[in-house]
Amino acid sequence: MKNSHIVEINLENFQQIILEDSKQKLVLVSFWATQVPESIEVKDKLAVATQGFDEHLIYATIDCQAQAQIAQQFGIQGLPTAIIIKDGQPIDGISGPQTDETIQQFLDKHLPKPQDNLLAQAKQALSDGDKKQAYSYAIQAYQLDNERADIQLTLADACLENGKVDDAKTLLAAIKMVDQDSYYQSLMAKLELAEEAADSPEIKELEQALAQDTSNVELIHKLAAQYSQVNRHEEALALLFRQVQSNSSDAESKRLLLDVLKALPDGDPLANKYRRKLYTLMY
């Protein structure tokens, strides 16, 4: 089984891969021989399982017949055998026939999980100021693992950036004492500021005016705009949807409603909820 991401170790490249490259990435070495079919099977299964992880791992094979001298240096007692090398030293290994499941369990201990990649992308998006994309990545990571504090904190950060203050508050309230680091403290301060900004005097004044004149479309639009500016999107959507529901020919309210929906990040349940409601209303 030939595969472009497999490196075959020999005397010429041994030092470079095992001693030098293993300082930068993990090196997984699979030992095999033609007369041991199980070793070829494990080698091929590892080739499939390690595809797509070139950034983190080098997959290498050693033909124990052709490279007997190298195999002896590793002290291999039997085949199949595979070991993981870091900084020139073996740190883990498997021996004997393996199923797809046992191979995956072995690799899972060392390879990044999908949520790790999503978390890294979320953090990068936050750093780049792309708040909508940050939320999309963070919520996917959270759906895969909702117990990890680093994922919870990053999602809380993305929620605050997108004005999902209540969601952020819930996430931060669930952070255990041991995980309440400087990042957590900065998010708590950010949450406090967001809560203060979300209830400005202008909003209170508009809310009072609308309470006195509930059918005033101009007030509805002004309050919805204020809500949206301080990221109180759900209240803005509820206000505008009620208006569209009561007057289906109100094109301006419908336009504003769609504008608020467009401002929400991909994967936001709120956007899906109101798109369905609007679709039902229209059709």
C-alpha atoms as a PDB file:
ATOM      1  CA  MET A   1       0.000   0.000   0.000  1.00  0.00           C
ATOM      2  CA  LYS A   2       1.730   3.162  -1.221  1.00  0.00           C
ATOM      3  CA  ASN A   3       0.810   6.456   0.373  1.00  0.00           C
ATOM      4  CA  SER A   4       2.392   9.867  -0.145  1.00  0.00           C
ATOM      5  CA  HIS A   5       2.467  10.706   3.560  1.00  0.00           C
ATOM      6  CA  ILE A   6       4.462   7.588   4.532  1.00  0.00           C
ATOM      7  CA  VAL A   7       8.234   7.860   5.039  1.00  0.00           C
ATOM      8  CA  GLU A   8      10.283   4.685   4.718  1.00  0.00           C
ATOM      9  CA  ILE A   9      13.203   4.756   7.156  1.00  0.00           C
ATOM     10  CA  ASN A  10      16.645   3.623   6.085  1.00  0.00           C
ATOM     11  CA  LEU A  11      20.227   4.186   7.228  1.00  0.00           C
ATOM     12  CA  GLU A  12      20.460   7.427   5.241  1.00  0.00           C
ATOM     13  CA  ASN A  13      17.419   9.210   6.756  1.00  0.00           C
ATOM     14  CA  PHE A  14      17.327   7.502  10.172  1.00  0.00           C
ATOM     15  CA  GLN A  15      19.135  10.239  12.110  1.00  0.00           C
ATOM     16  CA  GLN A  16      17.192  13.070  10.452  1.00  0.00           C
ATOM     17  CA  ILE A  17      13.760  11.595  11.126  1.00  0.00           C
ATOM     18  CA  ILE A  18      14.227   9.813  14.453  1.00  0.00           C
ATOM     19  CA  LEU A  19      16.586  12.248  16.157  1.00  0.00           C
ATOM     20  CA  GLU A  20      15.991  15.619  14.477  1.00  0.00           C
ATOM     21  CA  ASP A  21      12.439  15.660  13.065  1.00  0.00           C
ATOM     22  CA  SER A  22      11.029  14.166  16.277  1.00  0.00           C
ATOM     23  CA  LYS A  23      11.992  17.419  18.038  1.00  0.00           C
ATOM     24  CA  GLN A  24       9.446  19.269  15.884  1.00  0.00           C
ATOM     25  CA  LYS A  25       6.716  16.652  15.438  1.00  0.00           C
ATOM     26  CA  LEU A  26       5.764  13.264  16.816  1.00  0.00           C
ATOM     27  CA  VAL A  27       7.169  10.392  14.755  1.00  0.00           C
ATOM     28  CA  LEU A  28       5.067   7.235  14.555  1.00  0.00           C
ATOM     29  CA  VAL A  29       7.146   4.242  13.450  1.00  0.00           C
ATOM     30  CA  SER A  30       5.506   1.039  12.257  1.00  0.00           C
ATOM     31  CA  PHE A  31       7.726  -2.065  12.092  1.00  0.00           C
ATOM     32  CA  TRP A  32       6.760  -4.700   9.557  1.00  0.00           C
ATOM     33  CA  ALA A  33       8.012  -7.667   7.566  1.00  0.00           C
ATOM     34  CA  THR A  34       6.659  -9.504   4.538  1.00  0.00           C
ATOM     35  CA  GLN A  35       6.535 -12.840   6.390  1.00  0.00           C
ATOM     36  CA  VAL A  36       4.259 -11.369   9.094  1.00  0.00           C
ATOM     37  CA  PRO A  37       0.976 -10.430   7.338  1.00  0.00           C
ATOM     38  CA  GLU A  38      -0.451  -8.960  10.581  1.00  0.00           C
ATOM     39  CA  SER A  39       2.336  -6.380  10.613  1.00  0.00           C
ATOM     40  CA  ILE A  40       1.460  -5.264   7.079  1.00  0.00           C
ATOM     41  CA  GLU A  41      -2.193  -5.008   8.106  1.00  0.00           C
ATOM     42  CA  VAL A  42      -1.343  -2.810  11.097  1.00  0.00           C
ATOM     43  CA  LYS A  43       1.004  -0.701   8.961  1.00  0.00           C
ATOM     44  CA  ASP A  44      -1.768  -0.078   6.425  1.00  0.00           C
ATOM     45  CA  LYS A  45      -4.358   0.691   9.105  1.00  0.00           C
ATOM     46  CA  LEU A  46      -2.007   3.235  10.657  1.00  0.00           C
ATOM     47  CA  ALA A  47      -1.460   4.793   7.233  1.00  0.00           C
ATOM     48  CA  VAL A  48      -5.195   5.371   6.877  1.00  0.00           C
ATOM     49  CA  ALA A  49      -5.683   6.584  10.452  1.00  0.00           C
ATOM     50  CA  THR A  50      -2.856   9.159  10.252  1.00  0.00           C
ATOM     51  CA  GLN A  51      -3.956  10.802   7.002  1.00  0.00           C
ATOM     52  CA  GLY A  52      -4.563  14.522   7.409  1.00  0.00           C
ATOM     53  CA  PHE A  53      -2.309  14.898  10.458  1.00  0.00           C
ATOM     54  CA  ASP A  54       0.923  15.771   8.633  1.00  0.00           C
ATOM     55  CA  GLU A  55       1.130  19.041  10.551  1.00  0.00           C
ATOM     56  CA  HIS A  56       1.397  17.160  13.849  1.00  0.00           C
ATOM     57  CA  LEU A  57       2.918  13.780  13.030  1.00  0.00           C
ATOM     58  CA  ILE A  58       5.350  12.007  10.704  1.00  0.00           C
ATOM     59  CA  TYR A  59       4.303   8.466   9.838  1.00  0.00           C
ATOM     60  CA  ALA A  60       7.331   6.259   9.164  1.00  0.00           C
ATOM     61  CA  THR A  61       7.750   2.554   8.470  1.00  0.00           C
ATOM     62  CA  ILE A  62      10.670   0.207   8.901  1.00  0.00           C
ATOM     63  CA  ASP A  63      10.984  -2.964   6.835  1.00  0.00           C
ATOM     64  CA  CYS A  64      12.583  -5.240   9.408  1.00  0.00           C
ATOM     65  CA  GLN A  65      14.006  -7.515   6.693  1.00  0.00           C
ATOM     66  CA  ALA A  66      15.627  -4.786   4.615  1.00  0.00           C
ATOM     67  CA  GLN A  67      16.574  -2.659   7.634  1.00  0.00           C
ATOM     68  CA  ALA A  68      17.448  -5.348  10.195  1.00  0.00           C
ATOM     69  CA  GLN A  69      20.230  -3.193  11.688  1.00  0.00           C
ATOM     70  CA  ILE A  70      17.783  -0.355  12.479  1.00  0.00           C
ATOM     71  CA  ALA A  71      15.154  -2.750  13.863  1.00  0.00           C
ATOM     72  CA  GLN A  72      17.783  -4.211  16.198  1.00  0.00           C
ATOM     73  CA  GLN A  73      18.633  -0.742  17.526  1.00  0.00           C
ATOM     74  CA  PHE A  74      15.020  -0.384  18.646  1.00  0.00           C
ATOM     75  CA  GLY A  75      15.096  -3.778  20.374  1.00  0.00           C
ATOM     76  CA  ILE A  76      11.960  -4.988  18.613  1.00  0.00           C
ATOM     77  CA  GLN A  77      10.841  -8.303  20.170  1.00  0.00           C
ATOM     78  CA  GLY A  78       8.004  -9.176  17.787  1.00  0.00           C
ATOM     79  CA  LEU A  79       5.686  -7.952  15.045  1.00  0.00           C
ATOM     80  CA  PRO A  80       3.421  -6.115  14.597  1.00  0.00           C
ATOM     81  CA  THR A  81       4.917  -3.251  16.640  1.00  0.00           C
ATOM     82  CA  ALA A  82       4.500   0.509  16.377  1.00  0.00           C
ATOM     83  CA  ILE A  83       6.017   3.198  18.578  1.00  0.00           C
ATOM     84  CA  ILE A  84       5.673   6.950  18.934  1.00  0.00           C
ATOM     85  CA  ILE A  85       8.884   8.928  19.257  1.00  0.00           C
ATOM     86  CA  LYS A  86       9.311  12.416  20.686  1.00  0.00           C
ATOM     87  CA  ASP A  87      12.677  14.189  20.998  1.00  0.00           C
ATOM     88  CA  GLY A  88      14.435  11.016  19.911  1.00  0.00           C
ATOM     89  CA  GLN A  89      12.837   8.857  22.628  1.00  0.00           C
ATOM     90  CA  PRO A  90       9.942   6.371  22.464  1.00  0.00           C
ATOM     91  CA  ILE A  91       6.973   7.589  24.545  1.00  0.00           C
ATOM     92  CA  ASP A  92       4.251   5.078  23.678  1.00  0.00           C
ATOM     93  CA  GLY A  93       3.636   1.997  21.588  1.00  0.00           C
ATOM     94  CA  ILE A  94       1.428  -0.913  20.600  1.00  0.00           C
ATOM     95  CA  SER A  95       2.263  -4.513  19.764  1.00  0.00           C
ATOM     96  CA  GLY A  96       0.363  -7.453  18.348  1.00  0.00           C
ATOM     97  CA  PRO A  97      -2.593  -7.454  15.933  1.00  0.00           C
ATOM     98  CA  GLN A  98      -4.841  -4.366  16.189  1.00  0.00           C
ATOM     99  CA  THR A  99      -8.409  -3.476  15.283  1.00  0.00           C
ATOM    100  CA  ASP A 100      -9.412  -0.104  13.817  1.00  0.00           C
ATOM    101  CA  GLU A 101     -10.798   0.789  17.241  1.00  0.00           C
ATOM    102  CA  THR A 102      -7.622  -0.018  19.209  1.00  0.00           C
ATOM    103  CA  ILE A 103      -5.516   1.893  16.672  1.00  0.00           C
ATOM    104  CA  GLN A 104      -7.795   4.914  16.969  1.00  0.00           C
ATOM    105  CA  GLN A 105      -7.660   4.771  20.773  1.00  0.00           C
ATOM    106  CA  PHE A 106      -3.854   4.661  20.590  1.00  0.00           C
ATOM    107  CA  LEU A 107      -3.649   7.655  18.232  1.00  0.00           C
ATOM    108  CA  ASP A 108      -6.320   9.673  20.058  1.00  0.00           C
ATOM    109  CA  LYS A 109      -3.957   9.989  23.024  1.00  0.00           C
ATOM    110  CA  HIS A 110      -1.475  11.881  20.866  1.00  0.00           C
ATOM    111  CA  LEU A 111      -3.284  13.530  17.954  1.00  0.00           C
ATOM    112  CA  PRO A 112      -5.337  16.727  18.258  1.00  0.00           C
ATOM    113  CA  LYS A 113      -9.094  16.202  18.420  1.00  0.00           C
ATOM    114  CA  PRO A 114     -11.529  18.052  16.096  1.00  0.00           C
ATOM    115  CA  GLN A 115     -12.532  20.344  18.971  1.00  0.00           C
ATOM    116  CA  ASP A 116      -8.882  21.326  19.436  1.00  0.00           C
ATOM    117  CA  ASN A 117      -8.704  22.545  15.845  1.00  0.00           C
ATOM    118  CA  LEU A 118     -12.041  24.364  16.160  1.00  0.00           C
ATOM    119  CA  LEU A 119     -10.892  25.985  19.406  1.00  0.00           C
ATOM    120  CA  ALA A 120      -7.673  27.177  17.777  1.00  0.00           C
ATOM    121  CA  GLN A 121      -9.672  28.603  14.859  1.00  0.00           C
ATOM    122  CA  ALA A 122     -12.070  30.343  17.265  1.00  0.00           C
ATOM    123  CA  LYS A 123      -9.187  31.946  19.149  1.00  0.00           C
ATOM    124  CA  GLN A 124      -7.591  33.079  15.896  1.00  0.00           C
ATOM    125  CA  ALA A 125     -10.874  34.560  14.684  1.00  0.00           C
ATOM    126  CA  LEU A 126     -11.261  36.459  17.977  1.00  0.00           C
ATOM    127  CA  SER A 127      -7.712  37.749  17.574  1.00  0.00           C
ATOM    128  CA  ASP A 128      -8.516  38.825  14.007  1.00  0.00           C
ATOM    129  CA  GLY A 129     -11.702  40.597  15.125  1.00  0.00           C
ATOM    130  CA  ASP A 130     -13.957  38.230  13.172  1.00  0.00           C
ATOM    131  CA  LYS A 131     -16.565  37.814  15.904  1.00  0.00           C
ATOM    132  CA  LYS A 132     -19.149  35.965  13.805  1.00  0.00           C
ATOM    133  CA  GLN A 133     -16.653  33.334  12.654  1.00  0.00           C
ATOM    134  CA  ALA A 134     -15.249  33.057  16.192  1.00  0.00           C
ATOM    135  CA  TYR A 135     -18.707  32.188  17.526  1.00  0.00           C
ATOM    136  CA  SER A 136     -19.291  29.662  14.733  1.00  0.00           C
ATOM    137  CA  TYR A 137     -16.048  27.802  15.521  1.00  0.00           C
ATOM    138  CA  ALA A 138     -16.455  28.056  19.304  1.00  0.00           C
ATOM    139  CA  ILE A 139     -20.024  26.735  19.362  1.00  0.00           C
ATOM    140  CA  GLN A 140     -18.972  23.738  17.223  1.00  0.00           C
ATOM    141  CA  ALA A 141     -16.114  22.988  19.632  1.00  0.00           C
ATOM    142  CA  TYR A 142     -18.527  23.280  22.570  1.00  0.00           C
ATOM    143  CA  GLN A 143     -20.992  20.887  20.931  1.00  0.00           C
ATOM    144  CA  LEU A 144     -18.189  18.311  20.692  1.00  0.00           C
ATOM    145  CA  ASP A 145     -16.982  18.851  24.284  1.00  0.00           C
ATOM    146  CA  ASN A 146     -18.976  21.013  26.702  1.00  0.00           C
ATOM    147  CA  GLU A 147     -16.914  20.069  29.758  1.00  0.00           C
ATOM    148  CA  ARG A 148     -13.595  21.714  28.901  1.00  0.00           C
ATOM    149  CA  ALA A 149     -13.018  25.069  30.562  1.00  0.00           C
ATOM    150  CA  ASP A 150     -10.853  26.435  27.736  1.00  0.00           C
ATOM    151  CA  ILE A 151     -13.677  25.808  25.252  1.00  0.00           C
ATOM    152  CA  GLN A 152     -16.290  27.269  27.627  1.00  0.00           C
ATOM    153  CA  LEU A 153     -14.218  30.414  28.160  1.00  0.00           C
ATOM    154  CA  THR A 154     -13.563  30.946  24.455  1.00  0.00           C
ATOM    155  CA  LEU A 155     -17.253  30.464  23.667  1.00  0.00           C
ATOM    156  CA  ALA A 156     -18.153  32.932  26.440  1.00  0.00           C
ATOM    157  CA  ASP A 157     -15.750  35.433  24.884  1.00  0.00           C
ATOM    158  CA  ALA A 158     -17.309  34.907  21.439  1.00  0.00           C
ATOM    159  CA  CYS A 159     -20.785  35.257  22.969  1.00  0.00           C
ATOM    160  CA  LEU A 160     -19.839  38.595  24.529  1.00  0.00           C
ATOM    161  CA  GLU A 161     -18.391  39.799  21.220  1.00  0.00           C
ATOM    162  CA  ASN A 162     -21.682  38.894  19.535  1.00  0.00           C
ATOM    163  CA  GLY A 163     -23.854  40.379  22.275  1.00  0.00           C
ATOM    164  CA  LYS A 164     -25.104  37.060  23.599  1.00  0.00           C
ATOM    165  CA  VAL A 165     -24.714  38.336  27.135  1.00  0.00           C
ATOM    166  CA  ASP A 166     -27.068  35.862  28.828  1.00  0.00           C
ATOM    167  CA  ASP A 167     -25.342  32.913  27.145  1.00  0.00           C
ATOM    168  CA  ALA A 168     -21.946  34.230  28.239  1.00  0.00           C
ATOM    169  CA  LYS A 169     -23.228  34.694  31.782  1.00  0.00           C
ATOM    170  CA  THR A 170     -24.462  31.085  31.900  1.00  0.00           C
ATOM    171  CA  LEU A 171     -21.153  29.760  30.569  1.00  0.00           C
ATOM    172  CA  LEU A 172     -19.071  31.798  33.021  1.00  0.00           C
ATOM    173  CA  ALA A 173     -21.253  30.742  35.945  1.00  0.00           C
ATOM    174  CA  ALA A 174     -20.375  27.114  35.168  1.00  0.00           C
ATOM    175  CA  ILE A 175     -16.593  27.660  35.308  1.00  0.00           C
ATOM    176  CA  LYS A 176     -15.091  25.804  38.268  1.00  0.00           C
ATOM    177  CA  MET A 177     -12.945  27.611  40.823  1.00  0.00           C
ATOM    178  CA  VAL A 178      -9.790  25.852  39.651  1.00  0.00           C
ATOM    179  CA  ASP A 179     -10.299  27.235  36.116  1.00  0.00           C
ATOM    180  CA  GLN A 180     -11.024  30.829  37.125  1.00  0.00           C
ATOM    181  CA  ASP A 181      -7.780  32.216  35.711  1.00  0.00           C
ATOM    182  CA  SER A 182      -6.899  35.691  34.407  1.00  0.00           C
ATOM    183  CA  TYR A 183      -8.835  35.028  31.182  1.00  0.00           C
ATOM    184  CA  TYR A 184     -11.917  34.220  33.233  1.00  0.00           C
ATOM    185  CA  GLN A 185     -11.466  37.394  35.313  1.00  0.00           C
ATOM    186  CA  SER A 186     -11.159  39.544  32.184  1.00  0.00           C
ATOM    187  CA  LEU A 187     -14.345  37.991  30.771  1.00  0.00           C
ATOM    188  CA  MET A 188     -16.219  38.680  34.008  1.00  0.00           C
ATOM    189  CA  ALA A 189     -15.203  42.353  33.742  1.00  0.00           C
ATOM    190  CA  LYS A 190     -16.270  42.350  30.098  1.00  0.00           C
ATOM    191  CA  LEU A 191     -19.614  40.818  31.077  1.00  0.00           C
ATOM    192  CA  GLU A 192     -20.227  43.536  33.670  1.00  0.00           C
ATOM    193  CA  LEU A 193     -19.563  46.269  31.103  1.00  0.00           C
ATOM    194  CA  ALA A 194     -21.817  44.553  28.550  1.00  0.00           C
ATOM    195  CA  GLU A 195     -24.671  44.330  31.069  1.00  0.00           C
ATOM    196  CA  GLU A 196     -24.336  48.020  31.895  1.00  0.00           C
ATOM    197  CA  ALA A 197     -24.248  49.048  28.217  1.00  0.00           C
ATOM    198  CA  ALA A 198     -27.262  46.884  27.410  1.00  0.00           C
ATOM    199  CA  ASP A 199     -29.543  48.945  29.631  1.00  0.00           C
ATOM    200  CA  SER A 200     -28.736  52.522  28.659  1.00  0.00           C
ATOM    201  CA  PRO A 201     -30.919  55.563  29.554  1.00  0.00           C
ATOM    202  CA  GLU A 202     -31.844  55.904  25.852  1.00  0.00           C
ATOM    203  CA  ILE A 203     -33.213  52.380  25.791  1.00  0.00           C
ATOM    204  CA  LYS A 204     -35.157  52.862  29.020  1.00  0.00           C
ATOM    205  CA  GLU A 205     -36.679  56.051  27.635  1.00  0.00           C
ATOM    206  CA  LEU A 206     -37.744  54.348  24.403  1.00  0.00           C
ATOM    207  CA  GLU A 207     -39.156  51.376  26.317  1.00  0.00           C
ATOM    208  CA  GLN A 208     -41.271  53.715  28.457  1.00  0.00           C
ATOM    209  CA  ALA A 209     -42.476  55.664  25.398  1.00  0.00           C
ATOM    210  CA  LEU A 210     -43.428  52.463  23.552  1.00  0.00           C
ATOM    211  CA  ALA A 211     -45.280  51.179  26.602  1.00  0.00           C
ATOM    212  CA  GLN A 212     -47.494  54.258  26.338  1.00  0.00           C
ATOM    213  CA  ASP A 213     -47.941  53.957  22.561  1.00  0.00           C
ATOM    214  CA  THR A 214     -47.565  50.283  21.642  1.00  0.00           C
ATOM    215  CA  SER A 215     -48.502  50.662  17.955  1.00  0.00           C
ATOM    216  CA  ASN A 216     -46.045  53.474  17.198  1.00  0.00           C
ATOM    217  CA  VAL A 217     -43.963  51.985  14.371  1.00  0.00           C
ATOM    218  CA  GLU A 218     -41.316  54.714  14.565  1.00  0.00           C
ATOM    219  CA  LEU A 219     -40.706  53.918  18.235  1.00  0.00           C
ATOM    220  CA  ILE A 220     -40.573  50.188  17.455  1.00  0.00           C
ATOM    221  CA  HIS A 221     -37.895  50.781  14.830  1.00  0.00           C
ATOM    222  CA  LYS A 222     -35.869  53.090  17.086  1.00  0.00           C
ATOM    223  CA  LEU A 223     -35.987  50.665  20.029  1.00  0.00           C
ATOM    224  CA  ALA A 224     -35.165  47.658  17.833  1.00  0.00           C
ATOM    225  CA  ALA A 225     -32.169  49.560  16.437  1.00  0.00           C
ATOM    226  CA  GLN A 226     -30.983  50.430  19.965  1.00  0.00           C
ATOM    227  CA  TYR A 227     -31.404  46.832  21.076  1.00  0.00           C
ATOM    228  CA  SER A 228     -29.412  45.636  18.073  1.00  0.00           C
ATOM    229  CA  GLN A 229     -26.606  48.163  18.688  1.00  0.00           C
ATOM    230  CA  VAL A 230     -26.057  46.849  22.227  1.00  0.00           C
ATOM    231  CA  ASN A 231     -26.372  43.255  20.965  1.00  0.00           C
ATOM    232  CA  ARG A 232     -29.779  42.589  22.514  1.00  0.00           C
ATOM    233  CA  HIS A 233     -30.660  40.847  19.262  1.00  0.00           C
ATOM    234  CA  GLU A 234     -33.372  38.569  20.599  1.00  0.00           C
ATOM    235  CA  GLU A 235     -35.406  41.490  21.923  1.00  0.00           C
ATOM    236  CA  ALA A 236     -34.909  43.381  18.649  1.00  0.00           C
ATOM    237  CA  LEU A 237     -36.095  40.374  16.648  1.00  0.00           C
ATOM    238  CA  ALA A 238     -39.104  39.771  18.899  1.00  0.00           C
ATOM    239  CA  LEU A 239     -40.146  43.422  18.617  1.00  0.00           C
ATOM    240  CA  LEU A 240     -39.831  43.536  14.824  1.00  0.00           C
ATOM    241  CA  PHE A 241     -41.410  40.130  14.288  1.00  0.00           C
ATOM    242  CA  ARG A 242     -44.486  41.135  16.276  1.00  0.00           C
ATOM    243  CA  GLN A 243     -44.803  44.194  14.055  1.00  0.00           C
ATOM    244  CA  VAL A 244     -44.424  42.186  10.827  1.00  0.00           C
ATOM    245  CA  GLN A 245     -46.870  39.616  12.169  1.00  0.00           C
ATOM    246  CA  SER A 246     -49.484  42.291  12.855  1.00  0.00           C
ATOM    247  CA  ASN A 247     -48.885  44.108   9.551  1.00  0.00           C
ATOM    248  CA  SER A 248     -47.525  41.880   6.777  1.00  0.00           C
ATOM    249  CA  SER A 249     -47.263  44.839   4.377  1.00  0.00           C
ATOM    250  CA  ASP A 250     -44.805  46.696   6.631  1.00  0.00           C
ATOM    251  CA  ALA A 251     -41.757  46.399   4.354  1.00  0.00           C
ATOM    252  CA  GLU A 252     -39.480  48.549   6.516  1.00  0.00           C
ATOM    253  CA  SER A 253     -39.999  46.417   9.620  1.00  0.00           C
ATOM    254  CA  LYS A 254     -39.326  43.313   7.545  1.00  0.00           C
ATOM    255  CA  ARG A 255     -36.116  44.876   6.173  1.00  0.00           C
ATOM    256  CA  LEU A 256     -34.900  45.747   9.662  1.00  0.00           C
ATOM    257  CA  LEU A 257     -35.733  42.248  10.857  1.00  0.00           C
ATOM    258  CA  LEU A 258     -33.621  40.735   8.064  1.00  0.00           C
ATOM    259  CA  ASP A 259     -30.771  43.159   8.855  1.00  0.00           C
ATOM    260  CA  VAL A 260     -30.687  41.962  12.469  1.00  0.00           C
ATOM    261  CA  LEU A 261     -30.691  38.333  11.291  1.00  0.00           C
ATOM    262  CA  LYS A 262     -27.755  39.024   8.947  1.00  0.00           C
ATOM    263  CA  ALA A 263     -25.762  40.435  11.873  1.00  0.00           C
ATOM    264  CA  LEU A 264     -25.952  37.117  13.742  1.00  0.00           C
ATOM    265  CA  PRO A 265     -23.109  34.595  13.384  1.00  0.00           C
ATOM    266  CA  ASP A 266     -23.427  31.346  11.448  1.00  0.00           C
ATOM    267  CA  GLY A 267     -24.852  28.558  13.554  1.00  0.00           C
ATOM    268  CA  ASP A 268     -26.648  30.916  15.935  1.00  0.00           C
ATOM    269  CA  PRO A 269     -29.848  29.125  17.077  1.00  0.00           C
ATOM    270  CA  LEU A 270     -31.578  32.513  17.338  1.00  0.00           C
ATOM    271  CA  ALA A 271     -31.074  33.175  13.620  1.00  0.00           C
ATOM    272  CA  ASN A 272     -32.441  29.746  12.701  1.00  0.00           C
ATOM    273  CA  LYS A 273     -35.441  30.258  14.991  1.00  0.00           C
ATOM    274  CA  TYR A 274     -36.486  33.585  13.469  1.00  0.00           C
ATOM    275  CA  ARG A 275     -35.790  32.529   9.894  1.00  0.00           C
ATOM    276  CA  ARG A 276     -38.232  29.653  10.425  1.00  0.00           C
ATOM    277  CA  LYS A 277     -40.808  31.977  12.004  1.00  0.00           C
ATOM    278  CA  LEU A 278     -40.458  34.454   9.144  1.00  0.00           C
ATOM    279  CA  TYR A 279     -40.706  31.697   6.529  1.00  0.00           C
ATOM    280  CA  THR A 280     -43.884  30.365   8.176  1.00  0.00           C
ATOM    281  CA  LEU A 281     -45.335  33.865   8.211  1.00  0.00           C
ATOM    282  CA  MET A 282     -44.565  34.489   4.558  1.00  0.00           C
ATOM    283  CA  TYR A 283     -45.678  31.096   3.222  1.00  0.00           C
END
